[in-house]
Amino acid sequence: MSGPDALFNVHNNFYLGAYQAAINEASDLKGLSANETTERDFYVYRSYIALGSHQLPISEISEDAPTALQAVKLLAVYLSDEHKKDSVISTMQEWLSDPACSSNIQLLLMAASILSYEGNYVDALKCCHSASSLELMALAIQIFLKMDRVDCAEKLLKEMTNVDDDATCTQLAQGWVNLAMGGSKVQEAFYIFQELGDKYSWTVRLHNGSAVCSMHMGRYDDAAKELLEALSKDAKDPDTLSNLVVANLHLGAPTARYINQLKMVAPDHPLLKRSDQFQEALDRAAAGFSA
């Protein structure tokens, strides 16, 4: 099944967050070229990482594997072993300085992802701008939004739409940017997530996108329903749990269970850090009054 669309379903399911479906689709593909086989495995191993199975790519990817797969292995090691993060970053930077590797799109994707996790957004963006691909552009948009540079994200989105405005990567990026822009654009973002869910399949990622739109529009009941759907598909997803905390706070519903679950699966989540900072401020204020 070699051809220009041979890997479409694998790519598409990965972008949507349907990781097991991506793995299943890949297992059915036969007669691929060497490059297609590498690309298939690149998305399969990333899907396993997204599902929390970090050790599988670490154990299966050999030292003589293509650079793309070695880069995925670096990401798996980075995410699974706190003590090896510095070593991973050093190796990654060494590869990026090698002219033979520095234009490898898959390596650039993994490097940008790792640097983004590190909070090194400037160097992550350099990786994204070092080659041209929709996924690199989409990752750059995510980074710009983390930096509150909606203007830069919007500009890059226009470039994506010029390349392929109907691609799932582009549609997702359009949803993120519209949501960040706020106002009437939130409704447009909501429609994008709805259309992608109805056209392909409703994933945890799409449920969360739709729910966040609903919350921005003040529809917290609808948001909570979407998030419970997401929770039924993955009870450990940090985005779902944190968004449920926010939705339930607005609804006056209990949040303790979701906060406790979030502490178990993502103890460093930004919501928990903000909550701790708020509690510390309250404690200081209370101490001032008692004094």
Protein backbone atom coordinates (compact mmCIF):
# COMPACT_ATOMS: atom_id res chain seq x y z
CA MET A 1 0.00 0.00 0.00
CA SER A 2 2.79 2.40 -0.87
CA GLY A 3 1.76 5.83 -2.15
CA PRO A 4 1.22 9.45 -1.21
CA ASP A 5 -1.71 8.66 1.11
CA ALA A 6 -0.40 5.40 2.54
CA LEU A 7 0.25 6.91 5.95
CA PHE A 8 -2.64 9.39 6.02
CA ASN A 9 -4.70 7.55 8.63
CA VAL A 10 -1.66 7.02 10.84
CA HIS A 11 -0.76 10.73 10.73
CA ASN A 12 -4.34 11.85 11.12
CA ASN A 13 -5.13 9.68 14.11
CA PHE A 14 -1.94 10.82 15.81
CA TYR A 15 -2.75 14.51 15.31
CA LEU A 16 -6.27 13.99 16.67
CA GLY A 17 -4.95 12.16 19.73
CA ALA A 18 -6.33 8.77 18.66
CA TYR A 19 -3.06 7.06 19.50
CA GLN A 20 -4.22 3.44 19.69
CA ALA A 21 -6.04 3.88 16.38
CA ALA A 22 -2.80 5.19 14.84
CA ILE A 23 -0.95 2.11 16.09
CA ASN A 24 -3.66 -0.19 14.76
CA GLU A 25 -3.72 1.51 11.35
CA ALA A 26 0.06 1.23 11.09
CA SER A 27 0.01 -2.50 11.80
CA ASP A 28 -2.16 -3.08 8.72
CA LEU A 29 0.18 -1.31 6.28
CA LYS A 30 2.19 -3.52 3.92
CA GLY A 31 4.56 -2.94 1.02
CA LEU A 32 5.92 0.37 2.28
CA SER A 33 9.18 1.88 1.04
CA ALA A 34 12.10 2.23 3.44
CA ASN A 35 11.32 5.92 4.05
CA GLU A 36 7.63 5.18 4.59
CA THR A 37 8.50 2.40 7.03
CA THR A 38 10.66 4.81 9.04
CA GLU A 39 7.91 7.43 9.01
CA ARG A 40 5.31 4.86 10.05
CA ASP A 41 7.47 3.73 12.97
CA PHE A 42 8.15 7.36 13.91
CA TYR A 43 4.43 7.94 14.52
CA VAL A 44 3.85 4.51 16.07
CA TYR A 45 6.55 5.02 18.69
CA ARG A 46 5.34 8.56 19.39
CA SER A 47 1.85 7.13 19.88
CA TYR A 48 3.19 4.65 22.43
CA ILE A 49 4.95 7.51 24.24
CA ALA A 50 1.70 9.51 24.28
CA LEU A 51 -0.02 6.48 25.83
CA GLY A 52 2.61 6.39 28.56
CA SER A 53 4.56 3.39 27.23
CA HIS A 54 7.98 5.03 27.25
CA GLN A 55 9.95 1.83 27.68
CA LEU A 56 8.74 0.25 24.45
CA PRO A 57 10.59 2.63 22.09
CA ILE A 58 13.57 2.68 24.46
CA SER A 59 13.89 -1.11 24.30
CA GLU A 60 13.00 -1.60 20.63
CA ILE A 61 14.91 1.20 18.87
CA SER A 62 18.48 0.06 18.26
CA GLU A 63 21.60 2.20 17.97
CA ASP A 64 21.76 1.68 14.20
CA ALA A 65 18.14 2.79 13.64
CA PRO A 66 17.45 5.83 11.41
CA THR A 67 17.92 9.28 12.95
CA ALA A 68 14.15 9.84 13.09
CA LEU A 69 13.68 6.84 15.38
CA GLN A 70 16.75 7.66 17.46
CA ALA A 71 15.17 11.06 18.05
CA VAL A 72 11.95 9.45 19.28
CA LYS A 73 14.00 7.30 21.63
CA LEU A 74 15.61 10.48 23.01
CA LEU A 75 12.16 11.89 23.75
CA ALA A 76 11.13 8.66 25.50
CA VAL A 77 14.26 8.72 27.67
CA TYR A 78 13.75 12.42 28.46
CA LEU A 79 10.17 11.85 29.61
CA SER A 80 10.86 8.69 31.58
CA ASP A 81 14.11 9.40 33.46
CA GLU A 82 14.61 12.68 35.32
CA HIS A 83 18.31 11.92 35.84
CA LYS A 84 19.01 11.57 32.11
CA LYS A 85 17.46 14.83 30.93
CA ASP A 86 20.78 16.70 30.75
CA SER A 87 22.34 13.85 28.81
CA VAL A 88 19.42 13.78 26.38
CA ILE A 89 19.66 17.52 25.74
CA SER A 90 23.42 17.29 25.22
CA THR A 91 23.02 14.45 22.70
CA MET A 92 20.23 16.29 20.91
CA GLN A 93 22.29 19.46 20.58
CA GLU A 94 25.22 17.43 19.25
CA TRP A 95 22.98 15.93 16.55
CA LEU A 96 21.53 19.32 15.66
CA SER A 97 25.04 20.69 15.12
CA ASP A 98 25.76 17.92 12.59
CA PRO A 99 24.95 19.19 9.05
CA ALA A 100 23.91 15.67 8.08
CA CYS A 101 21.14 15.67 10.72
CA SER A 102 20.26 19.32 11.25
CA SER A 103 17.61 19.42 8.51
CA ASN A 104 15.94 16.14 9.51
CA ILE A 105 12.31 17.11 10.12
CA GLN A 106 11.66 14.31 12.60
CA LEU A 107 14.74 15.23 14.65
CA LEU A 108 13.70 18.88 14.60
CA LEU A 109 10.22 17.92 15.84
CA MET A 110 11.60 15.90 18.74
CA ALA A 111 14.18 18.57 19.58
CA ALA A 112 11.56 21.33 19.55
CA SER A 113 9.29 19.22 21.75
CA ILE A 114 12.03 18.57 24.30
CA LEU A 115 13.12 22.21 24.34
CA SER A 116 9.50 23.27 24.79
CA TYR A 117 9.19 20.94 27.80
CA GLU A 118 12.32 22.64 29.14
CA GLY A 119 10.68 26.05 28.74
CA ASN A 120 13.37 27.02 26.22
CA TYR A 121 10.90 28.45 23.74
CA VAL A 122 13.42 30.51 21.77
CA ASP A 123 15.55 27.51 20.77
CA ALA A 124 12.43 25.40 20.27
CA LEU A 125 11.17 27.94 17.75
CA LYS A 126 14.54 27.92 16.00
CA CYS A 127 14.08 24.19 15.44
CA CYS A 128 10.55 24.73 14.14
CA HIS A 129 11.77 27.34 11.66
CA SER A 130 14.73 25.24 10.45
CA ALA A 131 12.62 23.22 8.02
CA SER A 132 9.18 23.37 6.47
CA SER A 133 6.40 21.00 7.52
CA LEU A 134 2.86 21.48 8.74
CA GLU A 135 3.57 19.67 12.00
CA LEU A 136 6.59 21.89 12.75
CA MET A 137 4.44 24.95 12.01
CA ALA A 138 1.66 23.65 14.28
CA LEU A 139 4.17 23.06 17.08
CA ALA A 140 5.53 26.60 16.60
CA ILE A 141 1.97 27.93 16.94
CA GLN A 142 1.53 26.04 20.21
CA ILE A 143 4.77 27.56 21.50
CA PHE A 144 3.76 31.09 20.44
CA LEU A 145 0.47 30.65 22.32
CA LYS A 146 2.36 29.52 25.44
CA MET A 147 4.36 32.75 25.11
CA ASP A 148 1.13 34.79 24.76
CA ARG A 149 2.23 35.82 21.27
CA VAL A 150 -1.11 35.36 19.56
CA ASP A 151 0.00 37.79 16.86
CA CYS A 152 2.89 35.53 15.83
CA ALA A 153 0.65 32.45 16.00
CA GLU A 154 -1.91 34.13 13.76
CA LYS A 155 0.75 35.09 11.22
CA LEU A 156 2.13 31.55 11.09
CA LEU A 157 -1.39 30.13 10.79
CA LYS A 158 -1.85 32.12 7.59
CA GLU A 159 1.23 30.40 6.19
CA MET A 160 -0.21 27.01 7.16
CA THR A 161 -3.52 27.74 5.44
CA ASN A 162 -1.62 28.74 2.30
CA VAL A 163 0.06 25.34 2.30
CA ASP A 164 -3.03 23.23 3.09
CA ASP A 165 -6.02 24.82 4.79
CA ASP A 166 -7.95 21.53 4.99
CA ALA A 167 -5.23 19.47 6.68
CA THR A 168 -6.08 18.25 10.19
CA CYS A 169 -2.90 19.90 11.54
CA THR A 170 -4.04 23.22 10.09
CA GLN A 171 -7.60 22.84 11.35
CA LEU A 172 -6.40 22.08 14.89
CA ALA A 173 -4.05 25.05 14.80
CA GLN A 174 -6.93 27.23 13.59
CA GLY A 175 -8.96 26.08 16.58
CA TRP A 176 -6.16 26.87 19.04
CA VAL A 177 -5.56 30.33 17.57
CA ASN A 178 -9.27 31.20 17.43
CA LEU A 179 -9.65 30.18 21.06
CA ALA A 180 -6.69 32.34 22.07
CA MET A 181 -8.08 35.31 20.14
CA GLY A 182 -11.35 35.10 22.07
CA GLY A 183 -14.59 36.94 21.34
CA SER A 184 -16.56 35.66 18.35
CA LYS A 185 -13.57 33.51 17.34
CA VAL A 186 -14.32 31.12 20.22
CA GLN A 187 -17.53 30.00 18.51
CA GLU A 188 -15.54 29.35 15.34
CA ALA A 189 -13.05 27.27 17.31
CA PHE A 190 -15.94 25.31 18.82
CA TYR A 191 -17.25 24.48 15.33
CA ILE A 192 -13.80 23.32 14.21
CA PHE A 193 -13.48 20.84 17.08
CA GLN A 194 -17.05 19.66 16.52
CA GLU A 195 -16.48 19.12 12.80
CA LEU A 196 -13.24 17.20 13.35
CA GLY A 197 -14.93 14.98 15.95
CA ASP A 198 -17.91 14.27 13.71
CA LYS A 199 -15.75 13.72 10.61
CA TYR A 200 -13.17 11.41 12.18
CA SER A 201 -13.60 10.35 15.80
CA TRP A 202 -14.15 12.06 19.13
CA THR A 203 -10.89 11.90 21.04
CA VAL A 204 -9.88 13.20 24.45
CA ARG A 205 -8.10 16.08 22.70
CA LEU A 206 -11.21 17.13 20.77
CA HIS A 207 -13.50 16.79 23.80
CA ASN A 208 -11.17 19.07 25.74
CA GLY A 209 -10.97 21.60 22.90
CA SER A 210 -14.74 21.71 22.67
CA ALA A 211 -15.11 21.95 26.46
CA VAL A 212 -12.68 24.85 26.78
CA CYS A 213 -14.64 26.69 24.08
CA SER A 214 -17.86 26.06 25.99
CA MET A 215 -16.31 27.43 29.18
CA HIS A 216 -15.16 30.57 27.37
CA MET A 217 -18.76 31.02 26.24
CA GLY A 218 -20.08 30.51 29.78
CA ARG A 219 -21.63 27.10 29.03
CA TYR A 220 -20.14 25.23 31.97
CA ASP A 221 -22.78 22.48 32.02
CA ASP A 222 -21.96 21.60 28.41
CA ALA A 223 -18.26 21.74 29.19
CA ALA A 224 -18.62 19.35 32.13
CA LYS A 225 -20.51 16.85 29.96
CA GLU A 226 -17.78 16.98 27.30
CA LEU A 227 -15.10 16.50 29.93
CA LEU A 228 -16.85 13.51 31.49
CA GLU A 229 -16.92 11.96 28.00
CA ALA A 230 -13.18 12.58 27.79
CA LEU A 231 -12.66 11.14 31.27
CA SER A 232 -14.46 7.94 30.25
CA LYS A 233 -11.87 7.51 27.46
CA ASP A 234 -8.82 8.33 29.59
CA ALA A 235 -9.23 8.69 33.34
CA LYS A 236 -5.64 9.90 33.75
CA ASP A 237 -5.51 12.71 31.21
CA PRO A 238 -4.18 15.84 33.00
CA ASP A 239 -5.95 18.30 30.68
CA THR A 240 -9.31 16.64 31.29
CA LEU A 241 -8.83 16.59 35.06
CA SER A 242 -7.65 20.21 35.27
CA ASN A 243 -10.49 21.41 33.03
CA LEU A 244 -13.00 19.48 35.15
CA VAL A 245 -11.70 21.30 38.22
CA VAL A 246 -12.28 24.65 36.51
CA ALA A 247 -15.73 23.71 35.18
CA ASN A 248 -16.89 22.35 38.53
CA LEU A 249 -15.64 25.42 40.38
CA HIS A 250 -17.90 27.55 38.18
CA LEU A 251 -20.79 25.13 38.68
CA GLY A 252 -20.30 24.98 42.45
CA ALA A 253 -19.71 21.24 42.17
CA PRO A 254 -17.11 19.18 44.12
CA THR A 255 -13.53 19.33 42.83
CA ALA A 256 -11.52 17.45 45.48
CA ARG A 257 -11.54 14.10 43.65
CA TYR A 258 -10.28 15.60 40.39
CA ILE A 259 -7.61 17.62 42.20
CA ASN A 260 -6.41 14.47 43.99
CA GLN A 261 -6.33 12.54 40.70
CA LEU A 262 -4.41 15.38 39.07
CA LYS A 263 -1.87 15.33 41.90
CA MET A 264 -1.32 11.63 41.24
CA VAL A 265 -0.87 11.80 37.45
CA ALA A 266 0.68 15.27 37.02
CA PRO A 267 2.01 16.66 40.31
CA ASP A 268 3.74 19.56 38.52
CA HIS A 269 0.64 20.66 36.62
CA PRO A 270 0.33 24.48 36.36
CA LEU A 271 -3.15 24.40 37.91
CA LEU A 272 -1.79 22.74 41.04
CA LYS A 273 1.08 25.22 41.25
CA ARG A 274 -1.34 28.15 40.99
CA SER A 275 -3.57 26.56 43.61
CA ASP A 276 -0.61 26.13 45.99
CA GLN A 277 0.46 29.76 45.43
CA PHE A 278 -3.08 30.95 46.14
CA GLN A 279 -3.26 28.87 49.32
CA GLU A 280 0.10 30.24 50.48
CA ALA A 281 -1.13 33.80 49.91
CA LEU A 282 -4.28 33.06 51.94
CA ASP A 283 -2.18 31.55 54.72
CA ARG A 284 0.06 34.64 54.84
CA ALA A 285 -2.97 36.92 54.92
CA ALA A 286 -4.55 34.88 57.71
CA ALA A 287 -1.30 34.97 59.68
CA GLY A 288 -1.23 38.76 59.32
CA PHE A 289 -4.73 39.07 60.76
CA SER A 290 -3.99 36.72 63.69
CA ALA A 291 -0.86 38.68 64.51
